[in-house]
Amino acid sequence: MWPLMNWVALTAVLLGVALAYVGLQRIVTPPPIVQTLETPIRTVAPSAPVDATETNSIGQQRVVRTSDGQLLSLFATEAGLSVVSDLGNQGRSWRTPVTLPAIQASSLSAAIDSKNRVQLAFVDDEGASFTVLTRDSGAWQSSNIVQLGATTSPVIDVAWDEPAQRAHVTWIGQSDEGQTVQWASFEAGAVTKLGQTEELASAPKGDVLANVAAAPSGAAIVTYRKGDAAGWYSRSFVDDTSGWQPEESLPTKIVARAGSVAMDRRGVAHLVLIDESGEQMIYLKRSNKGWLSPQTVIPPATTEEMDDPFLATDTTSRLLFAFFSTTGTADALRVVVNDPATGWKDPYRISIEDNSTQGRSPTSMDPLSGSPLVLWTSAGSQPAINSGSIVLP
């Protein structure tokens, strides 16, 4: 038989290993969402298509903020593109939507520059297109519309590079071998002109997803799913001299149904993915040495199904994850917050429960520091765009 001291030593070792494992789990896997926040529900647009804020599985931006703090919400209707602005009061009240009949979009993504020009990438019956919206004496107008190419996919995205005064646009093209990730740039000017173009990736089978983000420094990144294949990929843009860097394979074999990407003020890229089943959400960050190992944001079996993720960063570089989840009785809008200084903390994980969202689950977000605003489309006999403002602790 072992001496008693040997058994005591072995027990201590095993206990230490168990505690270390538990500690590791607490580091890489945030605790589940537990806090519910009651927030006033505002009406952004009292009448809207049921898919008005649909982000097409890539986190398309549908709400932007002007330099003087006014919010703009953009959505497609049968009559044309609608633009609705708030009264400059953090989304507490909104004006009547203005419709631009010349833009018949079925899918869209928007970005805004420092001169309050809205960079709009959209899909219509002709394919992928781009234009710039400006407001003169309260009236909205669009520049010339540039056709980018035919597409059968609603996936299109845009990001604004402020230092270079350039819009990055990504959309899904079609070749004999399958779908492709296409990129184009547009320089700021009185006339909207197509700049550079490039095919960034291709997939032999299945539907491609792709999104783009830019940092205040001018760096940009495109992330994408290659059709039905497992995994996720990216390509980075540093400057005009270096161009697009070689493809990077992210350290995950997840088969993702949806993803959203953002870059913070330091130029760090952040990505959130939801797996094909909708039961798991993971988060990845790209350092200057490449993509780091994924973290589980929402573990499997926490909710029945998740979809429509939207990722944004605020002015303090906090990460804001907005998404919808089905919990068995209704759809629930949820927001998860990660503070770079303190990490995942229970008080920052906030859940908004609203039965008016039952049946639909699109979302978009304005990432104002301290009080992000989340927009969604409610279902029912008269769908409407609603918003809720979240006051972070």
Protein backbone atom coordinates (compact mmCIF):
# COMPACT_ATOMS: atom_id res chain seq x y z
CA MET A 1 0.00 0.00 0.00
CA TRP A 2 1.04 3.60 -0.64
CA PRO A 3 2.09 5.60 2.37
CA LEU A 4 -0.52 8.10 3.57
CA MET A 5 1.67 11.05 2.53
CA ASN A 6 1.70 9.79 -1.10
CA TRP A 7 -2.11 9.76 -1.21
CA VAL A 8 -2.24 13.27 0.25
CA ALA A 9 0.24 14.53 -2.37
CA LEU A 10 -1.67 12.91 -5.24
CA THR A 11 -4.95 14.41 -4.02
CA ALA A 12 -3.35 17.87 -3.89
CA VAL A 13 -2.05 17.52 -7.45
CA LEU A 14 -5.43 16.43 -8.82
CA LEU A 15 -7.17 19.24 -6.96
CA GLY A 16 -4.70 21.74 -8.44
CA VAL A 17 -5.31 20.45 -11.96
CA ALA A 18 -9.09 20.69 -11.49
CA LEU A 19 -8.86 24.24 -10.19
CA ALA A 20 -6.57 25.26 -13.06
CA TYR A 21 -9.02 23.79 -15.56
CA VAL A 22 -11.93 25.64 -13.99
CA GLY A 23 -9.88 28.84 -14.07
CA LEU A 24 -9.03 28.32 -17.74
CA GLN A 25 -12.68 27.73 -18.57
CA ARG A 26 -13.59 31.00 -16.85
CA ILE A 27 -11.02 32.83 -18.97
CA VAL A 28 -11.93 31.48 -22.42
CA THR A 29 -15.68 30.95 -21.94
CA PRO A 30 -17.71 33.91 -20.69
CA PRO A 31 -20.52 33.17 -18.21
CA PRO A 32 -24.04 32.86 -19.67
CA ILE A 33 -26.26 35.91 -20.11
CA VAL A 34 -28.20 36.46 -16.89
CA GLN A 35 -29.30 40.11 -16.68
CA THR A 36 -32.49 41.41 -18.31
CA LEU A 37 -32.79 45.14 -19.02
CA GLU A 38 -36.13 46.88 -19.37
CA THR A 39 -35.75 49.62 -21.98
CA PRO A 40 -38.29 51.96 -23.61
CA ILE A 41 -39.24 50.68 -27.07
CA ARG A 42 -39.28 53.49 -29.66
CA THR A 43 -40.86 53.40 -33.11
CA VAL A 44 -38.37 54.33 -35.85
CA ALA A 45 -40.70 53.69 -38.80
CA PRO A 46 -44.34 52.73 -38.12
CA SER A 47 -44.67 50.91 -41.44
CA ALA A 48 -41.89 48.85 -42.98
CA PRO A 49 -41.31 45.55 -44.79
CA VAL A 50 -40.90 42.61 -42.44
CA ASP A 51 -37.26 42.25 -43.59
CA ALA A 52 -36.47 45.98 -43.37
CA THR A 53 -33.49 45.53 -41.07
CA GLU A 54 -32.40 42.12 -42.38
CA THR A 55 -28.59 41.96 -42.41
CA ASN A 56 -28.28 38.94 -44.73
CA SER A 57 -26.05 36.90 -42.41
CA ILE A 58 -23.07 39.30 -42.63
CA GLY A 59 -23.95 42.14 -40.24
CA GLN A 60 -24.79 44.78 -42.84
CA GLN A 61 -24.91 48.28 -41.33
CA ARG A 62 -28.36 49.90 -41.63
CA VAL A 63 -28.02 52.78 -39.16
CA VAL A 64 -25.31 55.47 -39.20
CA ARG A 65 -24.58 58.58 -37.15
CA THR A 66 -23.73 62.01 -38.61
CA SER A 67 -20.95 64.22 -37.26
CA ASP A 68 -23.50 66.30 -35.30
CA GLY A 69 -24.97 63.21 -33.64
CA GLN A 70 -28.07 62.63 -35.77
CA LEU A 71 -29.05 59.01 -36.44
CA LEU A 72 -30.02 57.81 -39.91
CA SER A 73 -31.82 54.52 -40.51
CA LEU A 74 -31.94 53.17 -44.07
CA PHE A 75 -34.21 50.41 -45.35
CA ALA A 76 -35.65 49.18 -48.64
CA THR A 77 -39.33 49.36 -49.59
CA GLU A 78 -41.27 48.62 -52.77
CA ALA A 79 -41.43 52.38 -53.42
CA GLY A 80 -37.66 52.81 -53.13
CA LEU A 81 -34.97 53.39 -50.53
CA SER A 82 -36.26 54.99 -47.33
CA VAL A 83 -34.16 57.20 -45.08
CA VAL A 84 -35.44 58.19 -41.65
CA SER A 85 -33.58 60.46 -39.23
CA ASP A 86 -34.05 61.09 -35.54
CA LEU A 87 -34.31 64.53 -33.96
CA GLY A 88 -30.75 64.42 -32.70
CA ASN A 89 -31.97 63.07 -29.35
CA GLN A 90 -30.31 59.64 -29.26
CA GLY A 91 -33.18 57.94 -31.08
CA ARG A 92 -35.98 58.94 -28.71
CA SER A 93 -38.07 60.37 -31.58
CA TRP A 94 -37.89 60.06 -35.37
CA ARG A 95 -39.02 62.02 -38.39
CA THR A 96 -41.20 60.72 -41.21
CA PRO A 97 -39.21 58.52 -43.63
CA VAL A 98 -38.10 60.03 -46.95
CA THR A 99 -38.20 57.77 -50.01
CA LEU A 100 -35.75 57.81 -52.94
CA PRO A 101 -37.58 56.02 -55.82
CA ALA A 102 -34.43 55.87 -57.99
CA ILE A 103 -32.88 53.29 -55.64
CA GLN A 104 -34.82 50.03 -55.83
CA ALA A 105 -32.73 47.94 -53.46
CA SER A 106 -33.42 44.41 -52.26
CA SER A 107 -30.35 44.39 -50.01
CA LEU A 108 -28.11 47.20 -48.77
CA SER A 109 -25.26 48.25 -46.51
CA ALA A 110 -24.28 51.79 -45.53
CA ALA A 111 -21.32 53.73 -44.15
CA ILE A 112 -20.89 57.45 -43.50
CA ASP A 113 -17.88 59.72 -43.96
CA SER A 114 -16.77 62.81 -42.03
CA LYS A 115 -18.69 65.08 -44.42
CA ASN A 116 -21.93 63.18 -43.69
CA ARG A 117 -22.09 61.58 -47.12
CA VAL A 118 -23.70 58.14 -46.93
CA GLN A 119 -21.80 55.51 -48.89
CA LEU A 120 -24.45 53.04 -50.07
CA ALA A 121 -23.80 49.59 -51.55
CA PHE A 122 -26.92 47.74 -52.64
CA VAL A 123 -28.34 44.96 -54.77
CA ASP A 124 -31.18 45.56 -57.22
CA ASP A 125 -32.56 43.82 -60.31
CA GLU A 126 -29.45 44.85 -62.28
CA GLY A 127 -27.01 43.36 -59.76
CA ALA A 128 -24.60 44.95 -57.30
CA SER A 129 -24.48 48.76 -57.32
CA PHE A 130 -22.99 51.74 -55.48
CA THR A 131 -23.99 55.36 -54.96
CA VAL A 132 -23.46 58.24 -52.53
CA LEU A 133 -26.32 59.95 -50.69
CA THR A 134 -26.14 63.61 -49.68
CA ARG A 135 -28.59 65.93 -47.99
CA ASP A 136 -29.11 69.48 -49.23
CA SER A 137 -31.57 71.79 -47.45
CA GLY A 138 -33.15 68.78 -45.80
CA ALA A 139 -33.71 66.87 -49.05
CA TRP A 140 -31.89 63.61 -49.78
CA GLN A 141 -30.43 62.93 -53.21
CA SER A 142 -28.19 60.27 -54.70
CA SER A 143 -25.18 60.64 -56.95
CA ASN A 144 -24.88 58.70 -60.19
CA ILE A 145 -25.37 54.97 -59.63
CA VAL A 146 -22.44 52.73 -60.60
CA GLN A 147 -23.23 49.15 -61.60
CA LEU A 148 -20.67 46.69 -60.21
CA GLY A 149 -21.80 43.49 -61.88
CA ALA A 150 -24.49 40.84 -62.00
CA THR A 151 -25.20 38.88 -58.83
CA THR A 152 -27.80 36.47 -57.54
CA SER A 153 -26.74 36.95 -53.90
CA PRO A 154 -28.05 39.57 -51.45
CA VAL A 155 -24.63 39.63 -49.77
CA ILE A 156 -23.06 43.07 -50.20
CA ASP A 157 -21.15 45.28 -47.77
CA VAL A 158 -19.34 48.63 -47.54
CA ALA A 159 -16.81 50.26 -45.21
CA TRP A 160 -15.37 53.78 -45.24
CA ASP A 161 -11.62 54.50 -45.17
CA GLU A 162 -11.45 58.05 -43.81
CA PRO A 163 -7.68 58.74 -44.26
CA ALA A 164 -7.80 57.72 -47.93
CA GLN A 165 -11.32 59.14 -48.48
CA ARG A 166 -12.30 55.82 -50.03
CA ALA A 167 -15.16 53.33 -49.82
CA HIS A 168 -14.43 49.60 -49.81
CA VAL A 169 -17.26 47.53 -51.31
CA THR A 170 -17.56 43.74 -51.34
CA TRP A 171 -20.18 41.65 -53.10
CA ILE A 172 -20.65 38.15 -54.48
CA GLY A 173 -19.90 37.53 -58.14
CA GLN A 174 -20.45 34.48 -60.29
CA SER A 175 -17.97 32.54 -62.43
CA ASP A 176 -18.03 29.21 -64.28
CA GLU A 177 -16.39 27.61 -61.24
CA GLY A 178 -18.82 29.04 -58.63
CA GLN A 179 -19.30 32.17 -56.55
CA THR A 180 -16.54 34.71 -55.97
CA VAL A 181 -15.73 37.45 -53.45
CA GLN A 182 -15.41 40.71 -55.39
CA TRP A 183 -13.99 44.01 -54.15
CA ALA A 184 -14.09 47.55 -55.51
CA SER A 185 -13.02 50.96 -54.23
CA PHE A 186 -14.60 54.38 -54.76
CA GLU A 187 -12.79 57.66 -54.14
CA ALA A 188 -14.65 60.68 -52.76
CA GLY A 189 -15.56 63.27 -55.38
CA ALA A 190 -18.33 65.23 -57.06
CA VAL A 191 -18.94 62.28 -59.39
CA THR A 192 -18.97 58.69 -58.14
CA LYS A 193 -16.28 56.81 -60.06
CA LEU A 194 -15.21 53.20 -59.82
CA GLY A 195 -11.61 52.90 -58.67
CA GLN A 196 -9.78 49.60 -58.25
CA THR A 197 -11.39 46.16 -58.51
CA GLU A 198 -10.16 42.70 -57.59
CA GLU A 199 -11.43 39.16 -57.11
CA LEU A 200 -10.39 38.22 -53.59
CA ALA A 201 -11.53 34.60 -53.36
CA SER A 202 -13.68 31.92 -54.98
CA ALA A 203 -15.69 28.89 -53.88
CA PRO A 204 -16.49 25.89 -56.09
CA LYS A 205 -19.69 24.96 -54.25
CA GLY A 206 -22.33 26.67 -52.15
CA ASP A 207 -23.22 30.22 -51.18
CA VAL A 208 -20.41 32.58 -50.23
CA LEU A 209 -20.67 35.05 -47.34
CA ALA A 210 -18.35 38.08 -47.16
CA ASN A 211 -18.13 41.30 -45.17
CA VAL A 212 -15.71 44.22 -44.90
CA ALA A 213 -14.57 46.57 -42.14
CA ALA A 214 -12.15 49.53 -41.97
CA ALA A 215 -10.25 51.13 -39.10
CA PRO A 216 -9.74 54.88 -38.48
CA SER A 217 -6.09 54.30 -39.45
CA GLY A 218 -7.10 53.28 -42.96
CA ALA A 219 -6.47 49.54 -42.63
CA ALA A 220 -9.25 47.30 -43.91
CA ILE A 221 -10.15 43.63 -43.79
CA VAL A 222 -12.50 41.34 -45.70
CA THR A 223 -13.64 38.09 -44.06
CA TYR A 224 -15.56 35.36 -45.84
CA ARG A 225 -16.97 31.85 -45.93
CA LYS A 226 -16.10 29.75 -48.97
CA GLY A 227 -19.49 28.31 -49.80
CA ASP A 228 -20.33 25.06 -48.03
CA ALA A 229 -16.78 24.43 -46.83
CA ALA A 230 -15.94 24.48 -43.13
CA GLY A 231 -13.81 27.33 -41.84
CA TRP A 232 -13.61 31.10 -42.35
CA TYR A 233 -11.01 33.20 -44.16
CA SER A 234 -9.76 36.77 -44.44
CA ARG A 235 -7.60 39.14 -46.46
CA SER A 236 -6.15 42.40 -45.15
CA PHE A 237 -5.54 45.74 -46.86
CA VAL A 238 -2.74 47.87 -45.41
CA ASP A 239 -2.13 50.55 -48.05
CA ASP A 240 -2.15 51.11 -51.81
CA THR A 241 1.48 50.03 -52.16
CA SER A 242 1.01 46.66 -50.46
CA GLY A 243 -2.53 46.05 -51.68
CA TRP A 244 -4.49 43.04 -50.49
CA GLN A 245 -2.40 40.58 -48.50
CA PRO A 246 -2.51 36.79 -49.06
CA GLU A 247 -5.44 34.85 -47.73
CA GLU A 248 -5.44 33.80 -44.08
CA SER A 249 -7.29 30.73 -42.79
CA LEU A 250 -8.82 31.43 -39.40
CA PRO A 251 -8.15 28.96 -36.56
CA THR A 252 -11.63 27.42 -36.63
CA LYS A 253 -13.35 24.65 -38.56
CA ILE A 254 -16.81 25.91 -37.75
CA VAL A 255 -19.41 25.72 -40.51
CA ALA A 256 -20.89 29.18 -39.98
CA ARG A 257 -24.38 30.30 -40.93
CA ALA A 258 -23.59 33.96 -40.21
CA GLY A 259 -20.76 36.31 -39.25
CA SER A 260 -20.06 39.97 -38.52
CA VAL A 261 -16.75 41.84 -38.51
CA ALA A 262 -15.58 45.16 -37.04
CA MET A 263 -12.29 47.03 -36.54
CA ASP A 264 -11.57 49.18 -33.51
CA ARG A 265 -9.67 52.48 -33.36
CA ARG A 266 -6.39 50.60 -32.82
CA GLY A 267 -6.83 48.71 -36.09
CA VAL A 268 -7.61 45.38 -34.40
CA ALA A 269 -10.11 43.21 -36.29
CA HIS A 270 -12.88 41.42 -34.39
CA LEU A 271 -15.16 38.71 -35.78
CA VAL A 272 -18.17 36.87 -34.40
CA LEU A 273 -19.52 33.68 -36.02
CA ILE A 274 -22.66 31.62 -35.41
CA ASP A 275 -22.44 27.96 -36.34
CA GLU A 276 -24.71 26.24 -38.85
CA SER A 277 -27.03 24.88 -36.17
CA GLY A 278 -27.42 28.31 -34.58
CA GLU A 279 -26.52 26.83 -31.20
CA GLN A 280 -23.03 28.29 -30.71
CA MET A 281 -21.43 31.72 -31.10
CA ILE A 282 -17.66 32.16 -31.21
CA TYR A 283 -15.46 35.26 -31.21
CA LEU A 284 -12.05 35.74 -32.84
CA LYS A 285 -9.57 38.62 -32.72
CA ARG A 286 -6.74 39.39 -35.11
CA SER A 287 -3.50 40.71 -33.62
CA ASN A 288 -0.55 42.02 -35.65
CA LYS A 289 0.66 38.41 -35.80
CA GLY A 290 -2.58 36.95 -37.10
CA TRP A 291 -5.83 35.52 -35.81
CA LEU A 292 -5.90 34.28 -32.21
CA SER A 293 -7.71 31.17 -31.01
CA PRO A 294 -11.50 31.49 -30.85
CA GLN A 295 -13.47 32.09 -27.66
CA THR A 296 -16.95 30.80 -27.02
CA VAL A 297 -19.31 33.74 -26.50
CA ILE A 298 -22.54 31.77 -26.16
CA PRO A 299 -22.03 28.08 -25.34
CA PRO A 300 -24.15 25.36 -26.98
CA ALA A 301 -27.50 24.59 -25.33
CA THR A 302 -27.70 28.08 -23.73
CA THR A 303 -30.43 29.01 -26.22
CA GLU A 304 -32.30 26.94 -28.77
CA GLU A 305 -31.16 28.94 -31.81
CA MET A 306 -29.24 32.15 -32.59
CA ASP A 307 -29.09 34.20 -35.78
CA ASP A 308 -28.39 37.63 -37.33
CA PRO A 309 -25.29 38.69 -35.38
CA PHE A 310 -24.15 42.29 -35.51
CA LEU A 311 -20.76 43.29 -34.13
CA ALA A 312 -19.64 46.86 -33.46
CA THR A 313 -17.01 48.70 -31.42
CA ASP A 314 -17.63 51.92 -29.54
CA THR A 315 -15.24 54.83 -28.97
CA THR A 316 -13.72 53.09 -25.95
CA SER A 317 -13.03 49.93 -28.02
CA ARG A 318 -15.67 47.95 -26.18
CA LEU A 319 -17.14 45.14 -28.29
CA LEU A 320 -20.91 45.08 -28.68
CA PHE A 321 -22.55 41.86 -29.91
CA ALA A 322 -26.22 42.13 -30.88
CA PHE A 323 -28.13 39.05 -31.99
CA PHE A 324 -31.46 37.30 -31.77
CA SER A 325 -32.09 33.99 -30.07
CA THR A 326 -35.06 31.68 -29.91
CA THR A 327 -35.75 30.49 -26.39
CA GLY A 328 -38.80 28.32 -27.04
CA THR A 329 -41.61 30.80 -26.47
CA ALA A 330 -40.43 33.93 -28.32
CA ASP A 331 -37.53 35.54 -30.09
CA ALA A 332 -35.26 37.48 -27.75
CA LEU A 333 -32.98 40.38 -28.70
CA ARG A 334 -29.71 40.16 -26.80
CA VAL A 335 -26.60 42.32 -26.47
CA VAL A 336 -23.31 41.07 -25.07
CA VAL A 337 -20.52 43.48 -24.14
CA ASN A 338 -16.79 42.85 -23.81
CA ASP A 339 -14.66 45.58 -22.24
CA PRO A 340 -10.98 45.41 -23.32
CA ALA A 341 -9.89 46.58 -19.87
CA THR A 342 -11.95 44.19 -17.75
CA GLY A 343 -12.99 41.46 -20.20
CA TRP A 344 -16.30 39.62 -19.96
CA LYS A 345 -18.26 40.78 -16.94
CA ASP A 346 -21.74 39.75 -15.86
CA PRO A 347 -23.10 43.34 -15.57
CA TYR A 348 -22.14 43.99 -19.21
CA ARG A 349 -24.15 41.09 -20.62
CA ILE A 350 -27.58 42.55 -21.13
CA SER A 351 -30.66 40.91 -22.56
CA ILE A 352 -33.67 42.72 -24.01
CA GLU A 353 -36.82 40.59 -24.07
CA ASP A 354 -39.59 41.81 -26.38
CA ASN A 355 -42.36 39.59 -27.69
CA SER A 356 -43.04 42.06 -30.51
CA THR A 357 -40.01 40.59 -32.30
CA GLN A 358 -41.65 37.17 -32.48
CA GLY A 359 -41.41 35.72 -35.98
CA ARG A 360 -38.54 37.89 -37.29
CA SER A 361 -34.98 38.39 -36.12
CA PRO A 362 -32.98 41.05 -37.97
CA THR A 363 -30.95 43.71 -36.16
CA SER A 364 -28.59 46.66 -36.54
CA MET A 365 -26.77 48.87 -34.05
CA ASP A 366 -25.42 52.35 -33.44
CA PRO A 367 -22.40 51.81 -31.17
CA LEU A 368 -22.46 55.07 -29.20
CA SER A 369 -20.15 54.84 -26.20
CA GLY A 370 -22.12 54.11 -23.06
CA SER A 371 -25.54 53.91 -24.70
CA PRO A 372 -25.73 51.77 -27.86
CA LEU A 373 -28.96 51.82 -29.82
CA VAL A 374 -30.32 48.59 -31.31
CA LEU A 375 -32.86 48.52 -34.15
CA TRP A 376 -35.01 45.59 -35.25
CA THR A 377 -38.15 44.86 -37.24
CA SER A 378 -41.20 43.66 -35.31
CA ALA A 379 -43.58 41.19 -36.87
CA GLY A 380 -47.35 41.25 -36.89
CA SER A 381 -50.11 42.55 -39.12
CA GLN A 382 -48.22 45.87 -39.50
CA PRO A 383 -44.43 45.36 -39.29
CA ALA A 384 -42.49 48.34 -37.93
CA ILE A 385 -38.88 49.23 -37.17
CA ASN A 386 -38.35 49.58 -33.44
CA SER A 387 -35.37 50.62 -31.34
CA GLY A 388 -34.12 50.23 -27.82
CA SER A 389 -31.36 52.22 -26.12
CA ILE A 390 -29.09 50.35 -23.72
CA VAL A 391 -27.37 52.23 -20.90
CA LEU A 392 -24.16 50.36 -20.09
CA PRO A 393 -22.89 50.27 -16.51
